[in-house]
Amino acid sequence: MTSSMKISSTSEPKRIHLIAICGTGMASLAGLLREKGFIVTGSDANVYPPMSDQLAAMGIEVKMGYRADNVVSTSPDLVVVGNAISKNNEEVLAVQERNIPLLSMPQAISRFFLESRFPIVVAGTHGKTTTSSLLAWILERSGQSPGFFVGGILKNFDRSYQLGQGDYFVLEGDEYDTAFFDKGPKFLHYHPQMLILNAVEFDHADIYRNLEQVMESFEKLVAILPASGVIFADGDNANVRKLVAKAACRVVTFGLGSENELTATHIEFGETVRFRCLRKGQEAGRFETPLAGRHNLKNLLGVLGVLLDLGIASDEINRALAEFEGIKRRQEVLAVLNGVTLIDDFAHHPTAIKETLSAMRLKYGAKRIWAIFEPRSNTTRRNIFQKDFAAAFDDADQIIFASPYQPEKIPEAERLHPEEVVTDLQKRGKKARYIPDVDLIVDLVAKESRPGDVLCFMSNGGFGGIYQKVVRALEG
């Protein structure tokens, strides 16, 4: 780390500039900084909802593109850089030339918001956003006024962050790298006192070579828990069991397997999910949640572990669950048009896709489910999960693969071949098609969908505006 990346003064900055402000975490940080009284400016080159809408609602102007003048004209006392930014970025070079202190996003979170709080971190390959959102909302509804920093828009708050007045601060702990000058995972900066550790498996093929490397990052996370801390660990996941075996703090396992300390019984799936929570074999409460699927039930069990440990009553938890409105882009019902249900989901990993579609099947029963998928993440655009995709869509009736996003940015030998995935799906007896062009997908959906169908759009990006186009096509 160069000297320009260190805070050289003990005085608090007044003006803070965020490079790549429209990233999910960076936009949330912008909101927290704004609430704490800082003057916030930002720049970005790739802007789309919901974070662009959140920034606009905060009144934060986003400068389009990265230019040295964005730094010069705003005269910041401190600059925070997103992990998508390289060391040769024009604004980064301008910051270094002027010796302006530079921080990563997690460093800024730690410095400005965690010093006097009790951090509760949610980590794991899947379920982080839903789990941390549930925890934040139930703590809020039970009068705790938590701070939170989550990788999605909580519909109950209509934002992804809260400064809060209480002791607890809930953080989504990302295993992705931190900044060009810190290639370690973000969650190592968050000093957890409590940790929910969901399932761990291989992901982020652009920065991790294999599962062993992923495990090394999570081993470091487990190691920083103080002896007085507690880990709520997915006991159904072999990798998680291995990770927490050497933990210095108390470990509570949760999951659907009966060997877990915290589990569920008498489970009823449907429009809502009802179950009884058992803790060490004793009933700890009866709960009902609007979130669909086994994976969301497991997410909730991790949350219940924390809440019950903190002494939150089961009736308060149920009241909050009944009022939980969900998270944007997580099984979010966007509209029902002419009897066709449109759902937006962030699923971008074979396991997440499989769990999401399984949840759709449990919730919608015999209705015809369409899975319309854009390989967009750095992992799904690669062929690392080429064979795994075939089994991920078993609960879909109609499957459409769009063209991978910007395939030219992936080395040719590593690229996903969607035509081959579709062939594998067809061999499993699935109705699957590869349609590279978004407009052609829209035309087909408008022509072939019928009342009662459920259209699930899956992408971790804008997907070429497909939702808005389908709405216009169905309304027309």
Protein backbone atom coordinates (compact mmCIF):
# COMPACT_ATOMS: atom_id res chain seq x y z
CA MET A 1 0.00 0.00 0.00
CA THR A 2 1.41 3.39 -0.95
CA SER A 3 1.44 6.36 1.37
CA SER A 4 -1.43 7.94 -0.59
CA MET A 5 -3.64 5.05 0.46
CA LYS A 6 -3.30 5.77 4.16
CA ILE A 7 -5.12 8.27 6.31
CA SER A 8 -2.38 10.74 7.15
CA SER A 9 -4.39 12.98 9.43
CA THR A 10 -6.42 12.34 12.56
CA SER A 11 -8.90 15.08 11.59
CA GLU A 12 -12.25 13.99 10.21
CA PRO A 13 -12.78 14.61 6.49
CA LYS A 14 -15.74 16.70 5.38
CA ARG A 15 -15.94 15.94 1.66
CA ILE A 16 -15.72 12.33 0.49
CA HIS A 17 -15.64 11.23 -3.15
CA LEU A 18 -16.57 7.67 -4.15
CA ILE A 19 -15.09 6.19 -7.34
CA ALA A 20 -17.53 3.58 -8.74
CA ILE A 21 -20.32 4.88 -6.54
CA CYS A 22 -23.09 2.88 -8.23
CA GLY A 23 -21.88 -0.50 -7.06
CA THR A 24 -24.26 -2.09 -4.56
CA GLY A 25 -21.91 -1.67 -1.61
CA MET A 26 -20.59 1.72 -2.66
CA ALA A 27 -24.05 3.22 -3.06
CA SER A 28 -24.94 1.93 0.41
CA LEU A 29 -21.76 3.45 1.81
CA ALA A 30 -22.67 6.74 0.15
CA GLY A 31 -25.98 6.71 2.01
CA LEU A 32 -24.35 5.96 5.35
CA LEU A 33 -21.79 8.72 4.89
CA ARG A 34 -24.51 11.16 3.88
CA GLU A 35 -26.55 10.28 6.99
CA LYS A 36 -23.50 10.87 9.16
CA GLY A 37 -23.14 14.38 7.77
CA PHE A 38 -20.41 14.10 5.15
CA ILE A 39 -20.62 15.84 1.79
CA VAL A 40 -20.65 12.98 -0.71
CA THR A 41 -19.83 13.04 -4.41
CA GLY A 42 -19.26 10.16 -6.80
CA SER A 43 -18.52 8.92 -10.28
CA ASP A 44 -19.26 5.77 -12.25
CA ALA A 45 -19.28 4.44 -15.80
CA ASN A 46 -21.98 1.75 -15.69
CA VAL A 47 -25.21 2.85 -14.02
CA TYR A 48 -28.50 0.99 -13.70
CA PRO A 49 -31.29 0.54 -11.10
CA PRO A 50 -31.86 -0.06 -8.29
CA MET A 51 -28.72 1.66 -6.95
CA SER A 52 -28.88 4.55 -9.43
CA ASP A 53 -32.42 5.24 -8.19
CA GLN A 54 -31.28 5.09 -4.57
CA LEU A 55 -28.51 7.62 -5.21
CA ALA A 56 -30.89 9.93 -7.06
CA ALA A 57 -33.33 9.77 -4.14
CA MET A 58 -30.48 10.80 -1.81
CA GLY A 59 -29.73 13.79 -4.03
CA ILE A 60 -26.19 12.58 -4.77
CA GLU A 61 -25.06 13.62 -8.21
CA VAL A 62 -23.21 10.90 -10.10
CA LYS A 63 -20.64 12.06 -12.62
CA MET A 64 -20.63 9.83 -15.67
CA GLY A 65 -17.24 8.38 -16.56
CA TYR A 66 -13.92 8.49 -14.75
CA ARG A 67 -12.01 11.74 -15.27
CA ALA A 68 -9.36 13.55 -13.26
CA ASP A 69 -11.61 16.61 -13.22
CA ASN A 70 -14.12 14.71 -11.09
CA VAL A 71 -11.52 14.76 -8.33
CA VAL A 72 -10.20 18.25 -9.03
CA SER A 73 -13.64 19.89 -9.17
CA THR A 74 -14.97 18.30 -5.97
CA SER A 75 -11.82 18.84 -3.84
CA PRO A 76 -12.39 15.84 -1.56
CA ASP A 77 -10.62 15.34 1.76
CA LEU A 78 -10.89 11.57 1.31
CA VAL A 79 -11.57 9.23 -1.61
CA VAL A 80 -13.10 5.75 -1.39
CA VAL A 81 -12.45 3.39 -4.29
CA GLY A 82 -14.60 0.46 -5.40
CA ASN A 83 -13.04 -2.93 -6.05
CA ALA A 84 -13.84 -2.74 -9.78
CA ILE A 85 -11.38 0.14 -10.18
CA SER A 86 -7.80 -0.47 -11.32
CA LYS A 87 -4.67 1.32 -10.12
CA ASN A 88 -4.40 3.02 -13.51
CA ASN A 89 -7.85 4.61 -13.31
CA GLU A 90 -7.63 8.29 -14.23
CA GLU A 91 -9.27 9.40 -10.98
CA VAL A 92 -7.03 7.17 -8.86
CA LEU A 93 -3.96 8.70 -10.51
CA ALA A 94 -5.33 12.18 -9.82
CA VAL A 95 -5.90 11.26 -6.17
CA GLN A 96 -2.35 9.97 -5.79
CA GLU A 97 -0.84 13.00 -7.50
CA ARG A 98 -2.59 15.23 -4.97
CA ASN A 99 -1.76 12.98 -2.01
CA ILE A 100 -5.44 12.69 -1.06
CA PRO A 101 -6.06 9.82 1.40
CA LEU A 102 -7.58 6.77 -0.30
CA LEU A 103 -9.58 3.99 1.37
CA SER A 104 -11.33 0.86 0.21
CA MET A 105 -15.05 0.52 0.84
CA PRO A 106 -14.66 -1.98 3.73
CA GLN A 107 -11.99 0.20 5.33
CA ALA A 108 -14.38 3.14 5.24
CA ILE A 109 -17.19 1.05 6.75
CA SER A 110 -14.90 -0.06 9.56
CA ARG A 111 -13.49 3.38 10.25
CA PHE A 112 -16.69 5.41 10.25
CA PHE A 113 -19.39 3.01 11.44
CA LEU A 114 -18.16 0.01 13.45
CA GLU A 115 -15.91 1.44 16.13
CA SER A 116 -18.56 1.65 18.86
CA ARG A 117 -21.00 -0.94 17.51
CA PHE A 118 -21.58 -4.70 17.85
CA PRO A 119 -21.02 -6.08 14.32
CA ILE A 120 -23.08 -9.08 13.23
CA VAL A 121 -21.72 -10.37 9.91
CA VAL A 122 -23.51 -12.66 7.45
CA ALA A 123 -21.18 -14.61 5.14
CA GLY A 124 -21.18 -17.62 2.84
CA THR A 125 -21.45 -18.25 -0.88
CA HIS A 126 -25.24 -17.95 -1.00
CA GLY A 127 -28.07 -16.28 0.89
CA LYS A 128 -26.13 -13.36 2.36
CA THR A 129 -28.46 -10.60 1.19
CA THR A 130 -31.68 -12.32 2.23
CA THR A 131 -30.27 -13.44 5.58
CA SER A 132 -28.82 -10.05 6.51
CA SER A 133 -32.01 -8.29 5.38
CA LEU A 134 -34.21 -10.55 7.49
CA LEU A 135 -31.98 -10.03 10.51
CA ALA A 136 -31.88 -6.26 10.09
CA TRP A 137 -35.66 -5.97 9.69
CA ILE A 138 -36.54 -8.18 12.66
CA LEU A 139 -34.07 -6.31 14.88
CA GLU A 140 -35.61 -3.04 13.70
CA ARG A 141 -39.17 -4.24 14.30
CA SER A 142 -38.26 -5.45 17.80
CA GLY A 143 -37.04 -1.98 18.74
CA GLN A 144 -33.28 -2.46 18.41
CA SER A 145 -32.69 0.26 15.74
CA PRO A 146 -29.74 -1.57 14.17
CA GLY A 147 -27.33 -0.17 11.65
CA PHE A 148 -27.13 -2.27 8.52
CA PHE A 149 -25.16 -2.55 5.29
CA VAL A 150 -26.70 -4.98 2.83
CA GLY A 151 -26.12 -5.85 -0.84
CA GLY A 152 -29.69 -5.21 -1.93
CA ILE A 153 -32.64 -2.85 -1.47
CA LEU A 154 -34.76 -3.85 1.54
CA LYS A 155 -38.32 -3.06 0.51
CA ASN A 156 -39.39 -2.38 4.11
CA PHE A 157 -36.84 0.46 4.23
CA ASP A 158 -36.66 1.20 0.48
CA ARG A 159 -32.88 1.28 0.77
CA SER A 160 -29.85 -0.90 1.44
CA TYR A 161 -28.40 0.76 4.54
CA GLN A 162 -29.23 2.36 7.87
CA LEU A 163 -27.08 4.18 10.36
CA GLY A 164 -29.31 3.19 13.28
CA GLN A 165 -29.14 4.23 16.91
CA GLY A 166 -28.74 0.85 18.61
CA ASP A 167 -25.76 -1.30 19.47
CA TYR A 168 -26.06 -3.82 16.63
CA PHE A 169 -24.73 -3.33 13.12
CA VAL A 170 -25.66 -6.00 10.55
CA LEU A 171 -23.26 -6.43 7.62
CA GLU A 172 -23.37 -8.58 4.53
CA GLY A 173 -19.85 -10.01 4.51
CA ASP A 174 -18.62 -10.48 0.95
CA GLU A 175 -15.80 -12.91 0.12
CA TYR A 176 -14.92 -10.95 -3.01
CA ASP A 177 -11.71 -8.91 -3.00
CA THR A 178 -11.51 -5.46 -1.47
CA ALA A 179 -9.57 -3.10 -3.77
CA PHE A 180 -6.67 -3.00 -6.20
CA PHE A 181 -4.35 -2.48 -3.22
CA ASP A 182 -6.03 -5.14 -1.03
CA LYS A 183 -6.88 -8.44 -2.73
CA GLY A 184 -8.21 -10.02 0.46
CA PRO A 185 -11.95 -10.50 1.09
CA LYS A 186 -14.08 -7.63 2.31
CA PHE A 187 -15.40 -9.44 5.36
CA LEU A 188 -12.02 -9.39 7.09
CA HIS A 189 -12.49 -5.66 7.77
CA TYR A 190 -15.78 -6.00 9.67
CA HIS A 191 -14.65 -7.33 13.10
CA PRO A 192 -17.60 -9.68 13.69
CA GLN A 193 -18.77 -10.42 17.22
CA MET A 194 -21.44 -12.73 15.80
CA LEU A 195 -21.22 -14.53 12.47
CA ILE A 196 -23.84 -16.34 10.42
CA LEU A 197 -21.95 -18.63 8.08
CA ASN A 198 -24.13 -19.97 5.26
CA ALA A 199 -23.07 -22.70 2.81
CA VAL A 200 -19.60 -22.33 1.29
CA GLU A 201 -18.69 -23.63 -2.16
CA PHE A 202 -16.60 -22.57 -5.14
CA ASP A 203 -17.51 -19.25 -6.74
CA HIS A 204 -15.85 -16.11 -8.14
CA ALA A 205 -13.72 -17.97 -10.64
CA ASP A 206 -12.14 -14.69 -11.71
CA ILE A 207 -10.30 -14.25 -8.40
CA TYR A 208 -10.25 -17.72 -6.80
CA ARG A 209 -8.47 -20.59 -8.55
CA ASN A 210 -10.29 -23.37 -6.71
CA LEU A 211 -12.32 -24.29 -3.64
CA GLU A 212 -9.17 -24.50 -1.52
CA GLN A 213 -8.51 -20.80 -2.08
CA VAL A 214 -12.09 -19.96 -1.18
CA MET A 215 -11.77 -21.99 2.01
CA GLU A 216 -8.59 -20.16 2.94
CA SER A 217 -10.46 -16.85 2.93
CA PHE A 218 -13.23 -18.21 5.13
CA GLU A 219 -10.68 -19.79 7.48
CA LYS A 220 -9.32 -16.29 8.07
CA LEU A 221 -12.84 -15.04 8.80
CA VAL A 222 -13.48 -17.77 11.37
CA ALA A 223 -10.11 -17.05 12.96
CA ILE A 224 -10.88 -13.39 13.67
CA LEU A 225 -13.93 -14.17 15.81
CA PRO A 226 -13.03 -13.39 19.43
CA ALA A 227 -13.35 -16.11 22.06
CA SER A 228 -16.42 -14.28 23.36
CA GLY A 229 -18.07 -14.41 19.94
CA VAL A 230 -20.39 -16.97 18.40
CA ILE A 231 -20.73 -18.52 14.94
CA PHE A 232 -24.08 -19.75 13.65
CA ALA A 233 -22.95 -22.26 11.06
CA ASP A 234 -24.77 -24.15 8.30
CA GLY A 235 -24.33 -27.65 9.68
CA ASP A 236 -25.73 -29.22 6.49
CA ASN A 237 -22.70 -28.01 4.54
CA ALA A 238 -19.53 -30.12 4.80
CA ASN A 239 -17.26 -27.19 3.97
CA VAL A 240 -18.77 -25.08 6.75
CA ARG A 241 -18.44 -27.91 9.28
CA LYS A 242 -14.78 -28.16 8.34
CA LEU A 243 -14.29 -24.41 8.69
CA VAL A 244 -15.80 -24.09 12.16
CA ALA A 245 -14.11 -27.20 13.58
CA LYS A 246 -11.16 -25.08 14.75
CA ALA A 247 -13.12 -22.01 15.84
CA ALA A 248 -11.97 -20.46 19.10
CA CYS A 249 -15.48 -19.29 19.94
CA ARG A 250 -18.85 -20.95 20.54
CA VAL A 251 -20.40 -22.58 17.45
CA VAL A 252 -24.13 -23.23 16.94
CA THR A 253 -25.07 -25.33 13.92
CA PHE A 254 -28.33 -24.79 12.05
CA GLY A 255 -29.93 -26.60 9.13
CA LEU A 256 -32.58 -29.08 8.05
CA GLY A 257 -30.60 -32.12 9.22
CA SER A 258 -31.71 -33.44 12.61
CA GLU A 259 -28.13 -33.46 13.93
CA ASN A 260 -28.05 -29.64 14.00
CA GLU A 261 -28.47 -27.73 17.24
CA LEU A 262 -31.06 -25.49 15.56
CA THR A 263 -33.44 -27.08 13.07
CA ALA A 264 -37.02 -27.10 11.77
CA THR A 265 -39.79 -29.67 12.01
CA HIS A 266 -43.47 -29.90 10.95
CA ILE A 267 -42.58 -27.90 7.82
CA GLU A 268 -45.47 -26.83 5.57
CA PHE A 269 -44.57 -25.28 2.19
CA GLY A 270 -47.02 -23.16 0.20
CA GLU A 271 -47.84 -19.48 -0.23
CA THR A 272 -46.16 -19.14 3.15
CA VAL A 273 -43.86 -21.54 4.99
CA ARG A 274 -44.86 -22.74 8.47
CA PHE A 275 -42.59 -24.68 10.81
CA ARG A 276 -41.55 -25.32 14.37
CA CYS A 277 -38.03 -24.35 15.38
CA LEU A 278 -36.17 -26.78 17.59
CA ARG A 279 -33.17 -25.72 19.67
CA LYS A 280 -31.24 -28.62 21.18
CA GLY A 281 -34.32 -30.77 20.59
CA GLN A 282 -36.68 -28.43 22.43
CA GLU A 283 -39.30 -26.31 20.69
CA ALA A 284 -38.13 -22.68 20.61
CA GLY A 285 -41.13 -21.30 18.73
CA ARG A 286 -43.54 -21.71 15.84
CA PHE A 287 -42.94 -19.47 12.87
CA GLU A 288 -44.44 -18.48 9.54
CA THR A 289 -42.56 -16.75 6.72
CA PRO A 290 -43.62 -15.41 3.32
CA LEU A 291 -40.23 -16.38 1.85
CA ALA A 292 -40.44 -19.42 -0.41
CA GLY A 293 -38.17 -22.45 -0.57
CA ARG A 294 -35.94 -24.65 1.55
CA HIS A 295 -32.98 -22.33 1.07
CA ASN A 296 -34.89 -19.41 2.57
CA LEU A 297 -36.02 -21.61 5.46
CA LYS A 298 -32.35 -22.32 6.15
CA ASN A 299 -31.53 -18.61 5.86
CA LEU A 300 -34.20 -17.94 8.47
CA LEU A 301 -32.86 -20.62 10.81
CA GLY A 302 -29.50 -18.83 10.90
CA VAL A 303 -31.32 -15.59 11.71
CA LEU A 304 -33.36 -17.28 14.43
CA GLY A 305 -30.13 -18.51 15.99
CA VAL A 306 -28.93 -14.93 16.41
CA LEU A 307 -32.29 -13.54 17.53
CA LEU A 308 -32.96 -16.24 20.10
CA ASP A 309 -29.41 -15.82 21.41
CA LEU A 310 -30.07 -12.09 21.81
CA GLY A 311 -33.31 -12.78 23.68
CA ILE A 312 -35.78 -11.59 21.03
CA ALA A 313 -39.21 -13.13 21.73
CA SER A 314 -40.80 -15.47 19.18
CA ASP A 315 -43.99 -13.38 18.95
CA GLU A 316 -41.93 -10.31 18.02
CA ILE A 317 -40.11 -12.37 15.39
CA ASN A 318 -43.38 -13.62 13.89
CA ARG A 319 -44.83 -10.13 13.77
CA ALA A 320 -41.79 -8.90 11.86
CA LEU A 321 -41.81 -11.93 9.51
CA ALA A 322 -45.43 -11.27 8.58
CA GLU A 323 -44.50 -7.71 7.63
CA PHE A 324 -41.30 -8.54 5.77
CA GLU A 325 -41.66 -7.30 2.20
CA GLY A 326 -38.52 -8.88 0.79
CA ILE A 327 -35.57 -7.54 -1.19
CA LYS A 328 -35.51 -6.10 -4.65
CA ARG A 329 -34.22 -8.63 -7.20
CA ARG A 330 -34.58 -11.59 -4.81
CA GLN A 331 -37.61 -13.55 -6.04
CA GLU A 332 -39.25 -10.15 -6.42
CA VAL A 333 -42.70 -10.22 -8.01
CA LEU A 334 -42.56 -7.26 -10.36
CA ALA A 335 -45.99 -7.49 -11.95
CA VAL A 336 -48.88 -9.73 -12.91
CA LEU A 337 -50.02 -8.96 -16.45
CA ASN A 338 -52.81 -10.84 -18.21
CA GLY A 339 -52.42 -13.60 -15.63
CA VAL A 340 -48.65 -13.89 -16.22
CA THR A 341 -46.44 -13.39 -13.14
CA LEU A 342 -43.11 -11.63 -13.73
CA ILE A 343 -40.34 -12.28 -11.19
CA ASP A 344 -36.87 -10.75 -10.99
CA ASP A 345 -34.10 -12.73 -9.31
CA PHE A 346 -30.36 -12.22 -8.85
CA ALA A 347 -29.48 -15.92 -9.14
CA HIS A 348 -26.12 -16.24 -10.92
CA HIS A 349 -24.63 -19.53 -9.71
CA PRO A 350 -25.93 -23.05 -10.45
CA THR A 351 -26.75 -23.67 -6.79
CA ALA A 352 -28.60 -20.37 -6.45
CA ILE A 353 -30.51 -21.03 -9.68
CA LYS A 354 -31.50 -24.51 -8.51
CA GLU A 355 -32.66 -23.26 -5.10
CA THR A 356 -34.60 -20.35 -6.59
CA LEU A 357 -36.45 -22.55 -9.07
CA SER A 358 -37.12 -25.15 -6.38
CA ALA A 359 -38.68 -22.38 -4.28
CA MET A 360 -40.77 -21.28 -7.26
CA ARG A 361 -42.04 -24.83 -7.69
CA LEU A 362 -42.95 -25.15 -4.01
CA LYS A 363 -44.79 -21.83 -4.12
CA TYR A 364 -46.49 -22.01 -7.52
CA GLY A 365 -47.15 -25.74 -7.72
CA ALA A 366 -48.17 -26.96 -11.18
CA LYS A 367 -48.01 -23.56 -12.86
CA ARG A 368 -45.68 -23.36 -15.86
CA ILE A 369 -42.37 -21.82 -14.80
CA TRP A 370 -40.07 -20.06 -17.27
CA ALA A 371 -36.41 -19.61 -16.37
CA ILE A 372 -34.92 -16.84 -18.52
CA PHE A 373 -31.23 -16.64 -17.69
CA GLU A 374 -28.44 -14.26 -18.62
CA PRO A 375 -24.91 -15.55 -17.80
CA ARG A 376 -23.49 -12.26 -16.58
CA SER A 377 -21.27 -12.76 -13.54
CA ASN A 378 -17.56 -13.40 -13.85
CA THR A 379 -18.21 -17.00 -12.85
CA THR A 380 -21.23 -17.86 -15.01
CA ARG A 381 -19.61 -16.44 -18.14
CA ARG A 382 -16.87 -19.03 -17.67
CA ASN A 383 -17.09 -22.74 -18.41
CA ILE A 384 -16.20 -23.71 -14.85
CA PHE A 385 -19.86 -24.69 -14.22
CA GLN A 386 -20.62 -25.75 -17.80
CA LYS A 387 -21.88 -29.20 -16.73
CA ASP A 388 -23.51 -28.05 -13.48
CA PHE A 389 -26.05 -25.88 -15.25
CA ALA A 390 -27.89 -28.85 -16.73
CA ALA A 391 -29.21 -30.01 -13.34
CA ALA A 392 -29.82 -26.47 -12.04
CA PHE A 393 -32.98 -25.97 -14.12
CA ASP A 394 -34.87 -29.16 -13.24
CA ASP A 395 -37.81 -27.25 -11.74
CA ALA A 396 -38.34 -25.06 -14.81
CA ASP A 397 -40.73 -25.98 -17.62
CA GLN A 398 -39.37 -23.53 -20.17
CA ILE A 399 -35.69 -22.52 -20.19
CA ILE A 400 -34.13 -19.73 -22.22
CA PHE A 401 -30.41 -18.98 -22.18
CA ALA A 402 -29.46 -15.50 -23.35
CA SER A 403 -26.04 -14.61 -24.69
CA PRO A 404 -23.35 -14.26 -22.00
CA TYR A 405 -22.65 -10.64 -21.15
CA GLN A 406 -19.56 -9.23 -22.89
CA PRO A 407 -18.05 -12.65 -23.65
CA GLU A 408 -15.04 -11.02 -25.26
CA LYS A 409 -13.82 -10.05 -21.77
CA ILE A 410 -13.37 -13.71 -20.87
CA PRO A 411 -10.40 -15.63 -22.34
CA GLU A 412 -11.72 -17.77 -25.18
CA ALA A 413 -10.58 -21.04 -23.64
CA GLU A 414 -12.49 -20.22 -20.43
CA ARG A 415 -15.79 -19.06 -21.96
CA LEU A 416 -19.15 -20.65 -21.29
CA HIS A 417 -20.78 -22.31 -24.32
CA PRO A 418 -24.53 -21.80 -23.82
CA GLU A 419 -25.40 -23.87 -26.89
CA GLU A 420 -23.80 -26.89 -25.22
CA VAL A 421 -25.65 -26.21 -21.96
CA VAL A 422 -28.94 -26.09 -23.87
CA THR A 423 -28.09 -29.39 -25.59
CA ASP A 424 -27.41 -30.96 -22.17
CA LEU A 425 -30.74 -29.61 -20.90
CA GLN A 426 -32.57 -31.04 -23.88
CA LYS A 427 -30.97 -34.42 -23.23
CA ARG A 428 -32.58 -34.27 -19.77
CA GLY A 429 -35.93 -33.82 -21.50
CA LYS A 430 -36.19 -30.09 -20.82
CA LYS A 431 -37.70 -27.53 -23.19
CA ALA A 432 -34.59 -25.36 -23.51
CA ARG A 433 -33.52 -22.80 -26.10
CA TYR A 434 -30.52 -20.57 -26.67
CA ILE A 435 -31.65 -17.17 -27.91
CA PRO A 436 -28.76 -14.69 -27.91
CA ASP A 437 -30.78 -11.54 -28.62
CA VAL A 438 -32.91 -9.98 -25.86
CA ASP A 439 -35.49 -8.60 -28.30
CA LEU A 440 -35.99 -12.05 -29.80
CA ILE A 441 -36.52 -13.45 -26.29
CA VAL A 442 -39.13 -10.77 -25.64
CA ASP A 443 -40.96 -11.60 -28.87
CA LEU A 444 -41.00 -15.32 -28.03
CA VAL A 445 -42.21 -14.78 -24.46
CA ALA A 446 -44.98 -12.44 -25.60
CA LYS A 447 -46.09 -15.01 -28.20
CA GLU A 448 -45.88 -18.22 -26.15
CA SER A 449 -46.68 -17.22 -22.54
CA ARG A 450 -50.20 -17.79 -21.28
CA PRO A 451 -52.27 -16.93 -18.19
CA GLY A 452 -50.96 -18.75 -15.13
CA ASP A 453 -47.33 -18.76 -16.34
CA VAL A 454 -44.53 -17.59 -14.05
CA LEU A 455 -41.63 -15.82 -15.81
CA CYS A 456 -38.45 -15.77 -13.71
CA PHE A 457 -35.77 -13.44 -15.09
CA MET A 458 -32.33 -14.33 -13.73
CA SER A 459 -29.38 -11.97 -14.01
CA ASN A 460 -27.10 -10.01 -11.71
CA GLY A 461 -27.26 -7.01 -14.06
CA GLY A 462 -29.64 -5.05 -16.26
CA PHE A 463 -30.25 -7.91 -18.76
CA GLY A 464 -30.68 -5.49 -21.65
CA GLY A 465 -33.81 -3.97 -20.13
CA ILE A 466 -35.67 -7.24 -20.72
CA TYR A 467 -38.25 -6.74 -17.96
CA GLN A 468 -39.44 -3.37 -19.26
CA LYS A 469 -39.56 -4.77 -22.80
CA VAL A 470 -41.62 -7.80 -21.73
CA VAL A 471 -44.04 -5.55 -19.86
CA ARG A 472 -44.57 -3.43 -22.96
CA ALA A 473 -44.99 -6.53 -25.11
CA LEU A 474 -47.56 -8.11 -22.78
CA GLU A 475 -49.47 -4.85 -22.32
CA GLY A 476 -49.45 -4.21 -26.07
